[in-house]
Protein backbone atom coordinates (compact mmCIF):
# COMPACT_ATOMS: atom_id res chain seq x y z
CA MET A 1 -2.92 64.03 -35.13
CA ALA A 2 -3.75 60.60 -33.65
CA ARG A 3 -1.64 57.69 -34.70
CA LEU A 4 -3.58 54.65 -35.81
CA ILE A 5 -2.49 51.26 -34.41
CA GLY A 6 -2.52 48.36 -36.99
CA PRO A 7 -3.49 44.71 -36.10
CA ARG A 8 -0.04 43.40 -36.10
CA VAL A 9 0.90 45.81 -33.26
CA ARG A 10 -2.22 44.97 -31.34
CA ARG A 11 -1.43 41.31 -31.60
CA ARG A 12 2.22 41.79 -30.42
CA ARG A 13 0.86 43.86 -27.37
CA ALA A 14 -1.69 41.40 -26.65
CA GLY A 15 0.87 38.80 -26.74
CA ILE A 16 3.20 40.62 -24.18
CA PHE A 17 0.30 41.30 -21.82
CA TRP A 18 -0.55 37.51 -22.06
CA LEU A 19 2.89 36.32 -21.38
CA ALA A 20 3.44 38.80 -18.53
CA GLY A 21 0.15 37.34 -16.95
CA ALA A 22 1.21 33.78 -17.50
CA LEU A 23 4.62 34.50 -15.77
CA ALA A 24 2.67 36.14 -12.74
CA LEU A 25 0.54 32.98 -12.48
CA LEU A 26 3.39 30.71 -12.69
CA PHE A 27 5.35 32.62 -9.72
CA ALA A 28 2.30 33.03 -7.81
CA THR A 29 1.69 29.27 -7.70
CA PRO A 30 2.89 27.51 -4.33
CA ALA A 31 5.60 25.23 -4.86
CA VAL A 32 5.03 21.67 -4.46
CA ALA A 33 6.34 20.12 -1.45
CA ASP A 34 6.09 16.40 -0.81
CA PHE A 35 7.90 13.40 0.90
CA ARG A 36 8.30 10.76 -1.86
CA LEU A 37 9.74 7.20 -1.89
CA CYS A 38 11.14 5.44 -4.86
CA ASN A 39 11.35 1.67 -5.25
CA ASN A 40 14.34 1.23 -7.35
CA THR A 41 14.34 -2.50 -7.09
CA GLY A 42 13.10 -5.27 -9.06
CA SER A 43 10.66 -6.43 -6.33
CA ARG A 44 7.34 -5.08 -4.92
CA VAL A 45 7.91 -3.56 -1.50
CA GLY A 46 5.71 -2.39 1.21
CA ILE A 47 6.15 1.10 3.11
CA ALA A 48 5.40 2.44 6.46
CA ILE A 49 6.43 5.88 7.66
CA GLY A 50 6.52 7.54 10.91
CA TYR A 51 6.88 11.28 12.04
CA LYS A 52 6.26 13.84 14.60
CA ASP A 53 3.75 16.68 14.05
CA SER A 54 1.99 19.06 16.44
CA ASP A 55 -0.12 16.30 17.89
CA GLY A 56 2.74 13.87 18.66
CA TRP A 57 4.13 10.74 17.00
CA THR A 58 2.20 8.98 14.20
CA THR A 59 2.98 5.92 12.28
CA GLU A 60 1.32 4.96 8.95
CA GLY A 61 1.31 2.19 6.41
CA TRP A 62 1.06 0.27 4.03
CA TRP A 63 1.99 1.66 0.78
CA ASN A 64 2.54 -0.90 -1.84
CA LEU A 65 5.14 0.03 -4.43
CA SER A 66 5.50 -2.06 -7.48
CA ALA A 67 9.26 -2.25 -8.89
CA ARG A 68 10.78 0.75 -10.40
CA ASN A 69 7.95 2.86 -8.94
CA CYS A 70 7.40 6.06 -6.90
CA GLU A 71 4.78 6.95 -4.40
CA THR A 72 3.89 10.49 -2.72
CA LEU A 73 3.92 9.38 1.05
CA VAL A 74 3.14 12.94 2.46
CA LYS A 75 1.43 15.37 0.40
CA GLY A 76 2.09 19.16 0.63
CA GLN A 77 4.47 20.90 3.09
CA LEU A 78 6.40 18.50 5.41
CA VAL A 79 5.50 18.82 8.85
CA ALA A 80 8.72 17.46 10.38
CA ARG A 81 12.59 17.55 9.68
CA TYR A 82 12.95 14.07 10.60
CA TYR A 83 10.68 11.11 9.00
CA TYR A 84 11.40 7.44 9.74
CA VAL A 85 10.73 4.66 7.00
CA TYR A 86 10.44 0.75 7.21
CA ALA A 87 10.07 -1.17 4.04
CA VAL A 88 9.62 -4.96 3.44
CA ASP A 89 10.57 -6.65 0.14
CA TYR A 90 7.46 -8.93 -0.77
CA ASP A 91 9.11 -10.88 -3.44
CA ARG A 92 12.83 -11.80 -2.35
CA GLY A 93 12.51 -11.22 1.38
CA GLY A 94 14.50 -8.86 3.50
CA GLU A 95 13.81 -5.21 4.74
CA TRP A 96 15.11 -1.54 5.01
CA SER A 97 14.97 -1.04 8.81
CA GLY A 98 16.88 0.81 11.54
CA LYS A 99 16.99 1.25 15.26
CA ALA A 100 14.05 3.93 15.79
CA PHE A 101 11.38 1.53 17.20
CA MET A 102 7.68 2.62 16.21
CA CYS A 103 4.23 0.78 16.02
CA THR A 104 2.97 -0.89 13.08
CA ARG A 105 0.50 -3.78 12.35
CA ASP A 106 0.06 -6.18 9.38
CA LYS A 107 -2.94 -4.43 7.83
CA GLU A 108 -3.50 -0.86 6.73
CA PHE A 109 -2.72 1.50 9.78
CA THR A 110 -2.55 4.93 11.25
CA ILE A 111 -1.14 4.73 14.78
CA LYS A 112 -0.68 7.58 17.39
CA GLY A 113 1.96 7.34 19.73
CA ILE A 114 5.11 4.89 19.69
CA GLU A 115 4.97 3.72 23.32
CA ASP A 116 4.06 0.28 24.46
CA CYS A 117 3.24 -1.12 21.03
CA LEU A 118 3.15 -4.57 22.02
CA ALA A 119 0.70 -3.86 25.20
CA ARG A 120 -1.59 -1.89 22.84
CA GLY A 121 -1.86 -4.91 20.33
CA TYR A 122 0.64 -3.61 17.68
CA ASP A 123 4.09 -4.78 16.49
CA ARG A 124 7.17 -2.96 17.44
CA THR A 125 9.21 -2.39 14.34
CA GLY A 126 12.57 -0.73 13.50
CA PHE A 127 12.59 2.24 11.13
CA PHE A 128 15.29 4.15 9.82
CA GLU A 129 15.75 7.71 10.00
CA VAL A 130 15.54 10.28 6.99
CA ASP A 131 16.81 13.83 7.79
CA THR A 132 15.20 16.32 5.37
CA SER A 133 17.33 18.96 6.51
CA GLU A 134 13.93 21.24 6.67
CA GLN A 135 13.88 20.96 2.81
CA ARG A 136 10.32 21.70 1.28
CA SER A 137 10.25 18.25 -0.40
CA TRP A 138 12.31 15.13 -0.13
CA THR A 139 12.73 11.84 -2.12
CA VAL A 140 13.97 8.50 -0.67
CA GLN A 141 15.64 5.92 -2.97
CA LEU A 142 15.14 2.23 -1.86
CA THR A 143 17.80 0.24 -3.72
CA GLU A 144 19.12 -3.36 -3.59
CA SER A 145 22.27 -3.69 -1.40
CA THR A 146 24.29 -4.52 -4.38
CA ASP A 147 23.35 -1.13 -6.00
CA GLN A 148 23.80 0.95 -2.95
CA ALA A 149 26.79 3.25 -2.43
CA PRO A 150 28.11 3.66 0.99
CA GLN A 151 26.01 5.91 3.32
CA GLN A 152 27.33 8.86 4.98
CA PRO A 153 27.00 8.54 8.90
CA LEU A 154 23.70 10.29 10.26
CA PRO A 155 24.10 13.13 12.34
CA GLN A 156 24.73 12.64 16.07
CA SER A 157 21.59 14.37 17.37
CA THR A 158 18.31 12.66 16.65
CA PRO A 159 14.84 13.75 18.00
CA LEU A 160 13.90 9.99 18.70
CA ILE A 161 16.48 7.26 19.31
CA PRO A 162 20.18 7.83 18.33
CA SER A 163 21.21 5.56 15.15
CA PRO A 164 24.60 3.95 15.27
CA SER A 165 26.92 5.40 12.54
CA GLY A 166 25.78 4.35 9.22
CA GLY A 167 22.25 3.70 10.59
CA GLY A 168 19.28 4.45 8.51
CA SER A 169 20.84 2.80 5.75
CA GLN A 170 18.74 2.46 2.68
CA GLN A 171 20.17 -1.09 1.86
CA LYS A 172 18.08 -4.04 2.06
CA GLN A 173 19.04 -6.21 4.89
CA THR A 174 18.24 -10.06 4.76
CA LYS A 175 16.42 -11.55 7.62
């Protein structure tokens, strides 16, 4: 004898199949992987980044971030373990910088190569190193020097220029 299934059972089964399909889509979606920078200061800041990919060294800028705002600088999977950041405080002066020198300019730029910056008509600017530890995504927090806890020393091996202990600080340095 055939058994009839009522509308209540059909809805429950449809709901289970819908939930299973939604979960399958959720887990099939690739994870978001970005390099983000957050400006946790009360000032507007300008950001430049540097990184090495399969084509060599590249520096890019400028991202202008308002106070207490974040921006994705590299969308998608990170192409490097080490990224280099330079930031300038437009409102109060000062900068976040380091000992890894790369090429920049005053206007928006994408520059290939880090050698002979001045001879090529660019500025030579010190960036601080960010070791992403090969994570899929990373966020850098820029803070004012009074807000910043002491930094851990960077690893001794770096692919560009070794930074001194404590180099790559995310604290603002006054000019």
